[in-house]
N, C-alpha and C. Protein backbone atom coordinates (compact mmCIF):
# COMPACT_ATOMS: atom_id res chain seq x y z
N UNK A 1 -8.00 10.32 11.73
CA UNK A 1 -8.83 9.18 11.41
C UNK A 1 -8.44 8.69 10.01
N UNK A 2 -8.20 7.41 9.85
CA UNK A 2 -7.83 6.86 8.54
C UNK A 2 -8.94 7.06 7.51
N UNK A 3 -8.54 7.13 6.27
CA UNK A 3 -9.47 7.33 5.16
C UNK A 3 -9.87 5.99 4.56
N UNK A 4 -11.15 5.75 4.33
CA UNK A 4 -11.55 4.51 3.66
C UNK A 4 -10.92 4.44 2.26
N UNK A 5 -10.56 3.26 1.84
CA UNK A 5 -9.88 3.07 0.56
C UNK A 5 -10.72 3.59 -0.62
N UNK A 6 -12.03 3.33 -0.68
CA UNK A 6 -12.80 3.85 -1.82
C UNK A 6 -12.75 5.38 -1.91
N UNK A 7 -12.75 6.07 -0.78
CA UNK A 7 -12.67 7.53 -0.80
C UNK A 7 -11.31 7.99 -1.30
N UNK A 8 -10.26 7.28 -0.92
CA UNK A 8 -8.91 7.64 -1.38
C UNK A 8 -8.78 7.41 -2.88
N UNK A 9 -9.37 6.34 -3.38
CA UNK A 9 -9.29 6.04 -4.83
C UNK A 9 -9.89 7.14 -5.69
N UNK A 10 -10.94 7.80 -5.18
CA UNK A 10 -11.63 8.83 -5.97
C UNK A 10 -10.73 10.01 -6.30
N UNK A 11 -9.71 10.24 -5.49
CA UNK A 11 -8.85 11.42 -5.67
C UNK A 11 -7.58 11.11 -6.44
N UNK A 12 -7.41 9.90 -6.93
CA UNK A 12 -6.15 9.49 -7.53
C UNK A 12 -6.26 9.22 -9.03
N UNK A 13 -5.14 9.40 -9.69
CA UNK A 13 -5.03 9.04 -11.10
C UNK A 13 -4.99 7.52 -11.21
N UNK A 14 -5.27 6.96 -12.38
CA UNK A 14 -5.31 5.50 -12.54
C UNK A 14 -4.02 4.79 -12.10
N UNK A 15 -2.86 5.34 -12.42
CA UNK A 15 -1.60 4.69 -12.01
C UNK A 15 -1.46 4.70 -10.49
N UNK A 16 -1.90 5.78 -9.86
CA UNK A 16 -1.82 5.87 -8.40
C UNK A 16 -2.81 4.90 -7.74
N UNK A 17 -3.96 4.70 -8.36
CA UNK A 17 -4.94 3.74 -7.83
C UNK A 17 -4.34 2.33 -7.86
N UNK A 18 -3.64 2.00 -8.93
CA UNK A 18 -3.00 0.69 -9.04
C UNK A 18 -1.98 0.51 -7.92
N UNK A 19 -1.18 1.54 -7.66
CA UNK A 19 -0.18 1.48 -6.58
C UNK A 19 -0.86 1.36 -5.22
N UNK A 20 -1.94 2.12 -5.02
CA UNK A 20 -2.67 2.05 -3.76
C UNK A 20 -3.27 0.66 -3.55
N UNK A 21 -3.84 0.09 -4.61
CA UNK A 21 -4.43 -1.24 -4.50
C UNK A 21 -3.38 -2.29 -4.11
N UNK A 22 -2.17 -2.17 -4.66
CA UNK A 22 -1.10 -3.10 -4.30
C UNK A 22 -0.71 -2.92 -2.84
N UNK A 23 -0.68 -1.68 -2.37
CA UNK A 23 -0.34 -1.41 -0.97
C UNK A 23 -1.42 -1.96 -0.04
N UNK A 24 -2.69 -1.77 -0.42
CA UNK A 24 -3.80 -2.29 0.39
C UNK A 24 -3.74 -3.81 0.44
N UNK A 25 -3.44 -4.44 -0.68
CA UNK A 25 -3.33 -5.90 -0.70
C UNK A 25 -2.21 -6.38 0.22
N UNK A 26 -1.11 -5.65 0.25
CA UNK A 26 0.00 -6.00 1.13
C UNK A 26 -0.42 -5.87 2.60
N UNK A 27 -1.10 -4.77 2.93
CA UNK A 27 -1.56 -4.57 4.31
C UNK A 27 -2.56 -5.65 4.71
N UNK A 28 -3.45 -6.01 3.80
CA UNK A 28 -4.45 -7.04 4.08
C UNK A 28 -3.77 -8.39 4.31
N UNK A 29 -2.81 -8.73 3.45
CA UNK A 29 -2.09 -10.00 3.57
C UNK A 29 -1.37 -10.12 4.92
N UNK A 30 -0.86 -9.01 5.39
CA UNK A 30 -0.12 -9.01 6.65
C UNK A 30 -1.02 -8.76 7.87
N UNK A 31 -2.31 -8.60 7.64
CA UNK A 31 -3.30 -8.36 8.70
C UNK A 31 -3.00 -7.08 9.48
N UNK A 32 -2.58 -6.04 8.75
CA UNK A 32 -2.31 -4.75 9.39
C UNK A 32 -3.59 -3.93 9.42
N UNK A 33 -3.73 -3.11 10.45
CA UNK A 33 -4.94 -2.33 10.65
C UNK A 33 -5.08 -1.18 9.66
N UNK A 34 -3.96 -0.65 9.16
CA UNK A 34 -3.99 0.46 8.22
C UNK A 34 -3.02 0.21 7.07
N UNK A 35 -3.28 0.85 5.96
CA UNK A 35 -2.36 0.86 4.83
C UNK A 35 -1.47 2.09 5.00
N UNK A 36 -0.17 1.86 5.14
CA UNK A 36 0.76 2.95 5.44
C UNK A 36 1.69 3.23 4.27
N UNK A 37 2.50 4.26 4.44
CA UNK A 37 3.49 4.60 3.42
C UNK A 37 4.49 3.47 3.23
N UNK A 38 4.77 2.70 4.28
CA UNK A 38 5.65 1.54 4.14
C UNK A 38 5.07 0.53 3.15
N UNK A 39 3.79 0.27 3.25
CA UNK A 39 3.13 -0.65 2.31
C UNK A 39 3.23 -0.13 0.88
N UNK A 40 3.03 1.18 0.71
CA UNK A 40 3.06 1.76 -0.62
C UNK A 40 4.45 1.65 -1.25
N UNK A 41 5.47 2.07 -0.53
CA UNK A 41 6.83 2.03 -1.08
C UNK A 41 7.26 0.59 -1.34
N UNK A 42 6.95 -0.30 -0.42
CA UNK A 42 7.31 -1.71 -0.62
C UNK A 42 6.64 -2.26 -1.87
N UNK A 43 5.39 -1.88 -2.10
CA UNK A 43 4.69 -2.38 -3.30
C UNK A 43 5.26 -1.75 -4.57
N UNK A 44 5.73 -0.51 -4.49
CA UNK A 44 6.34 0.13 -5.66
C UNK A 44 7.70 -0.47 -6.01
N UNK A 45 8.36 -1.06 -5.01
CA UNK A 45 9.66 -1.70 -5.24
C UNK A 45 9.53 -3.14 -5.73
N UNK A 46 8.34 -3.71 -5.64
CA UNK A 46 8.19 -5.11 -6.00
C UNK A 46 8.41 -5.31 -7.50
N UNK A 47 8.90 -6.48 -7.88
CA UNK A 47 9.16 -6.75 -9.31
C UNK A 47 7.91 -6.69 -10.18
N UNK A 48 6.74 -6.89 -9.60
CA UNK A 48 5.51 -6.89 -10.39
C UNK A 48 4.93 -5.50 -10.60
N UNK A 49 5.47 -4.50 -9.90
CA UNK A 49 4.96 -3.13 -10.02
C UNK A 49 5.56 -2.45 -11.24
N UNK A 50 4.95 -1.33 -11.62
CA UNK A 50 5.51 -0.53 -12.71
C UNK A 50 6.93 -0.12 -12.30
N UNK A 51 7.86 -0.13 -13.24
CA UNK A 51 9.27 0.04 -12.87
C UNK A 51 9.71 1.49 -12.62
N UNK A 52 8.80 2.42 -12.47
CA UNK A 52 9.19 3.83 -12.33
C UNK A 52 10.14 4.07 -11.17
N UNK A 53 9.81 3.60 -9.99
CA UNK A 53 10.67 3.83 -8.82
C UNK A 53 11.98 3.06 -8.94
N UNK A 54 11.91 1.82 -9.39
CA UNK A 54 13.13 1.03 -9.54
C UNK A 54 14.06 1.67 -10.57
N UNK A 55 13.51 2.18 -11.67
CA UNK A 55 14.33 2.83 -12.69
C UNK A 55 14.97 4.11 -12.15
N UNK A 56 14.21 4.89 -11.39
CA UNK A 56 14.77 6.12 -10.81
C UNK A 56 15.90 5.79 -9.84
N UNK A 57 15.72 4.76 -9.05
CA UNK A 57 16.77 4.37 -8.12
C UNK A 57 18.01 3.86 -8.86
N UNK A 58 17.81 3.17 -9.96
CA UNK A 58 18.94 2.67 -10.75
C UNK A 58 19.72 3.83 -11.36
N UNK A 59 19.03 4.87 -11.80
CA UNK A 59 19.72 6.03 -12.38
C UNK A 59 20.50 6.81 -11.33
N UNK A 60 20.04 6.78 -10.08
CA UNK A 60 20.70 7.52 -9.00
C UNK A 60 21.66 6.63 -8.22
N UNK A 61 22.13 5.61 -8.84
CA UNK A 61 22.94 4.60 -8.15
C UNK A 61 24.28 5.14 -7.66
N UNK A 62 24.77 4.46 -6.66
CA UNK A 62 26.09 4.73 -6.11
C UNK A 62 27.10 3.90 -6.89
N UNK A 63 28.28 4.42 -7.06
CA UNK A 63 29.32 3.69 -7.80
C UNK A 63 29.80 2.47 -7.02
N UNK A 64 29.58 2.46 -5.72
CA UNK A 64 30.09 1.37 -4.89
C UNK A 64 29.25 0.10 -5.00
N UNK A 65 27.97 0.22 -5.30
CA UNK A 65 27.08 -0.95 -5.30
C UNK A 65 26.26 -0.99 -6.58
N UNK A 66 25.96 -2.18 -7.04
CA UNK A 66 25.14 -2.32 -8.24
C UNK A 66 23.69 -1.95 -7.94
N UNK A 67 22.95 -1.46 -8.93
CA UNK A 67 21.53 -1.12 -8.71
C UNK A 67 20.73 -2.33 -8.21
N UNK A 68 21.04 -3.51 -8.73
CA UNK A 68 20.32 -4.71 -8.31
C UNK A 68 20.53 -4.98 -6.82
N UNK A 69 21.77 -4.82 -6.35
CA UNK A 69 22.07 -5.02 -4.93
C UNK A 69 21.39 -3.96 -4.07
N UNK A 70 21.37 -2.72 -4.55
CA UNK A 70 20.71 -1.65 -3.80
C UNK A 70 19.21 -1.92 -3.68
N UNK A 71 18.58 -2.38 -4.76
CA UNK A 71 17.15 -2.67 -4.71
C UNK A 71 16.85 -3.83 -3.77
N UNK A 72 17.71 -4.84 -3.78
CA UNK A 72 17.51 -5.96 -2.85
C UNK A 72 17.63 -5.49 -1.41
N UNK A 73 18.59 -4.60 -1.13
CA UNK A 73 18.76 -4.08 0.23
C UNK A 73 17.54 -3.26 0.65
N UNK A 74 17.04 -2.42 -0.25
CA UNK A 74 15.83 -1.64 0.06
C UNK A 74 14.64 -2.55 0.31
N UNK A 75 14.47 -3.55 -0.54
CA UNK A 75 13.37 -4.50 -0.38
C UNK A 75 13.45 -5.19 0.98
N UNK A 76 14.63 -5.59 1.38
CA UNK A 76 14.82 -6.24 2.68
C UNK A 76 14.50 -5.28 3.81
N UNK A 77 14.94 -4.03 3.71
CA UNK A 77 14.66 -3.03 4.76
C UNK A 77 13.16 -2.82 4.93
N UNK A 78 12.45 -2.69 3.81
CA UNK A 78 11.00 -2.49 3.91
C UNK A 78 10.29 -3.74 4.41
N UNK A 79 10.75 -4.90 4.01
CA UNK A 79 10.14 -6.15 4.50
C UNK A 79 10.29 -6.26 6.01
N UNK A 80 11.47 -5.94 6.52
CA UNK A 80 11.70 -6.00 7.97
C UNK A 80 10.82 -4.98 8.68
N UNK A 81 10.73 -3.78 8.12
CA UNK A 81 9.88 -2.74 8.73
C UNK A 81 8.42 -3.16 8.76
N UNK A 82 7.94 -3.74 7.67
CA UNK A 82 6.55 -4.20 7.63
C UNK A 82 6.31 -5.35 8.60
N UNK A 83 7.31 -6.22 8.75
CA UNK A 83 7.17 -7.33 9.70
C UNK A 83 7.06 -6.83 11.13
N UNK A 84 7.59 -5.66 11.40
CA UNK A 84 7.55 -5.11 12.76
C UNK A 84 6.25 -4.40 13.09
N UNK A 85 5.45 -4.09 12.09
CA UNK A 85 4.16 -3.46 12.36
C UNK A 85 3.23 -4.47 13.03
N UNK A 86 2.45 -4.02 14.00
CA UNK A 86 1.54 -4.96 14.66
C UNK A 86 0.44 -5.46 13.73
N UNK A 87 0.12 -6.72 13.86
CA UNK A 87 -0.98 -7.32 13.09
C UNK A 87 -2.21 -7.34 13.96
N UNK A 88 -3.37 -7.30 13.31
CA UNK A 88 -4.61 -7.39 14.06
C UNK A 88 -4.92 -8.86 14.30
N UNK A 89 -5.42 -9.21 15.48
CA UNK A 89 -5.77 -10.60 15.74
C UNK A 89 -6.85 -11.09 14.77
N UNK A 90 -6.83 -12.35 14.48
CA UNK A 90 -7.79 -12.93 13.54
C UNK A 90 -9.22 -12.69 13.98
N UNK A 91 -9.48 -12.69 15.27
CA UNK A 91 -10.85 -12.48 15.76
C UNK A 91 -11.30 -11.03 15.56
N UNK A 92 -10.35 -10.09 15.46
CA UNK A 92 -10.71 -8.69 15.29
C UNK A 92 -10.97 -8.33 13.83
N UNK A 93 -10.49 -9.14 12.92
CA UNK A 93 -10.72 -8.87 11.51
C UNK A 93 -12.04 -9.47 11.08
N UNK A 94 -12.61 -8.90 10.05
CA UNK A 94 -13.87 -9.43 9.54
C UNK A 94 -13.57 -10.65 8.69
N UNK A 95 -14.52 -11.52 8.57
CA UNK A 95 -14.33 -12.71 7.75
C UNK A 95 -14.49 -12.39 6.26
N UNK A 96 -14.91 -11.19 5.96
CA UNK A 96 -15.12 -10.77 4.59
C UNK A 96 -13.78 -10.58 3.88
N UNK A 97 -13.59 -11.24 2.74
CA UNK A 97 -12.34 -11.12 1.99
C UNK A 97 -12.17 -9.73 1.39
N UNK A 98 -13.23 -8.95 1.33
CA UNK A 98 -13.15 -7.62 0.75
C UNK A 98 -12.72 -6.56 1.75
N UNK A 99 -12.41 -6.94 2.98
CA UNK A 99 -11.97 -5.98 4.00
C UNK A 99 -10.71 -5.29 3.51
N UNK A 100 -10.74 -3.96 3.47
CA UNK A 100 -9.58 -3.19 3.04
C UNK A 100 -9.10 -2.34 4.19
N UNK A 101 -7.85 -2.53 4.63
CA UNK A 101 -7.33 -1.69 5.71
C UNK A 101 -7.35 -0.22 5.26
N UNK A 102 -7.94 0.68 6.04
CA UNK A 102 -8.04 2.08 5.63
C UNK A 102 -6.66 2.70 5.40
N UNK A 103 -6.63 3.78 4.67
CA UNK A 103 -5.39 4.46 4.31
C UNK A 103 -4.99 5.40 5.45
N UNK A 104 -3.75 5.25 5.91
CA UNK A 104 -3.25 6.09 6.99
C UNK A 104 -3.20 7.55 6.56
N UNK A 105 -3.31 8.44 7.51
CA UNK A 105 -3.30 9.87 7.22
C UNK A 105 -2.02 10.31 6.52
N UNK A 106 -0.93 9.62 6.75
CA UNK A 106 0.34 10.02 6.13
C UNK A 106 0.31 9.88 4.61
N UNK A 107 -0.64 9.13 4.06
CA UNK A 107 -0.73 8.96 2.62
C UNK A 107 -1.77 9.86 1.97
N UNK A 108 -2.55 10.55 2.75
CA UNK A 108 -3.66 11.33 2.20
C UNK A 108 -3.33 12.81 2.23
N UNK A 109 -3.52 13.45 1.09
CA UNK A 109 -3.37 14.90 1.01
C UNK A 109 -4.68 15.54 1.42
N UNK A 110 -4.66 16.84 1.72
CA UNK A 110 -5.93 17.50 2.05
C UNK A 110 -6.94 17.30 0.91
N UNK A 111 -8.21 17.11 1.26
CA UNK A 111 -9.21 16.81 0.23
C UNK A 111 -9.36 17.97 -0.76
N UNK A 112 -9.22 17.64 -2.02
CA UNK A 112 -9.45 18.61 -3.08
C UNK A 112 -9.81 17.92 -4.39
N UNK A 113 -10.44 16.75 -4.29
CA UNK A 113 -10.78 16.04 -5.52
C UNK A 113 -12.05 16.54 -6.12
């Protein structure tokens, strides 16, 4: 069973809450039923996110391709993957703008907060 976003936020550090909020916003924008690891990684790769993941990828770069090209390729891969996730019909979603797609089990560690 997916975890409600407020419950997930309680167990996270402030930087992780920011990343989770960006992932939830992405899932909401795409009308996805759950916030998944795809949403999280895609939001961490976005230019507006903290550069931690992008910097780590740049340091681990391949000699064959520039870090900028590698990041663009990753961004495209995640965008295509997110586009393939099923969206919920407009009638099934609530009209409330505060609706937050729950966090998928793949993102939640066993409760110990």
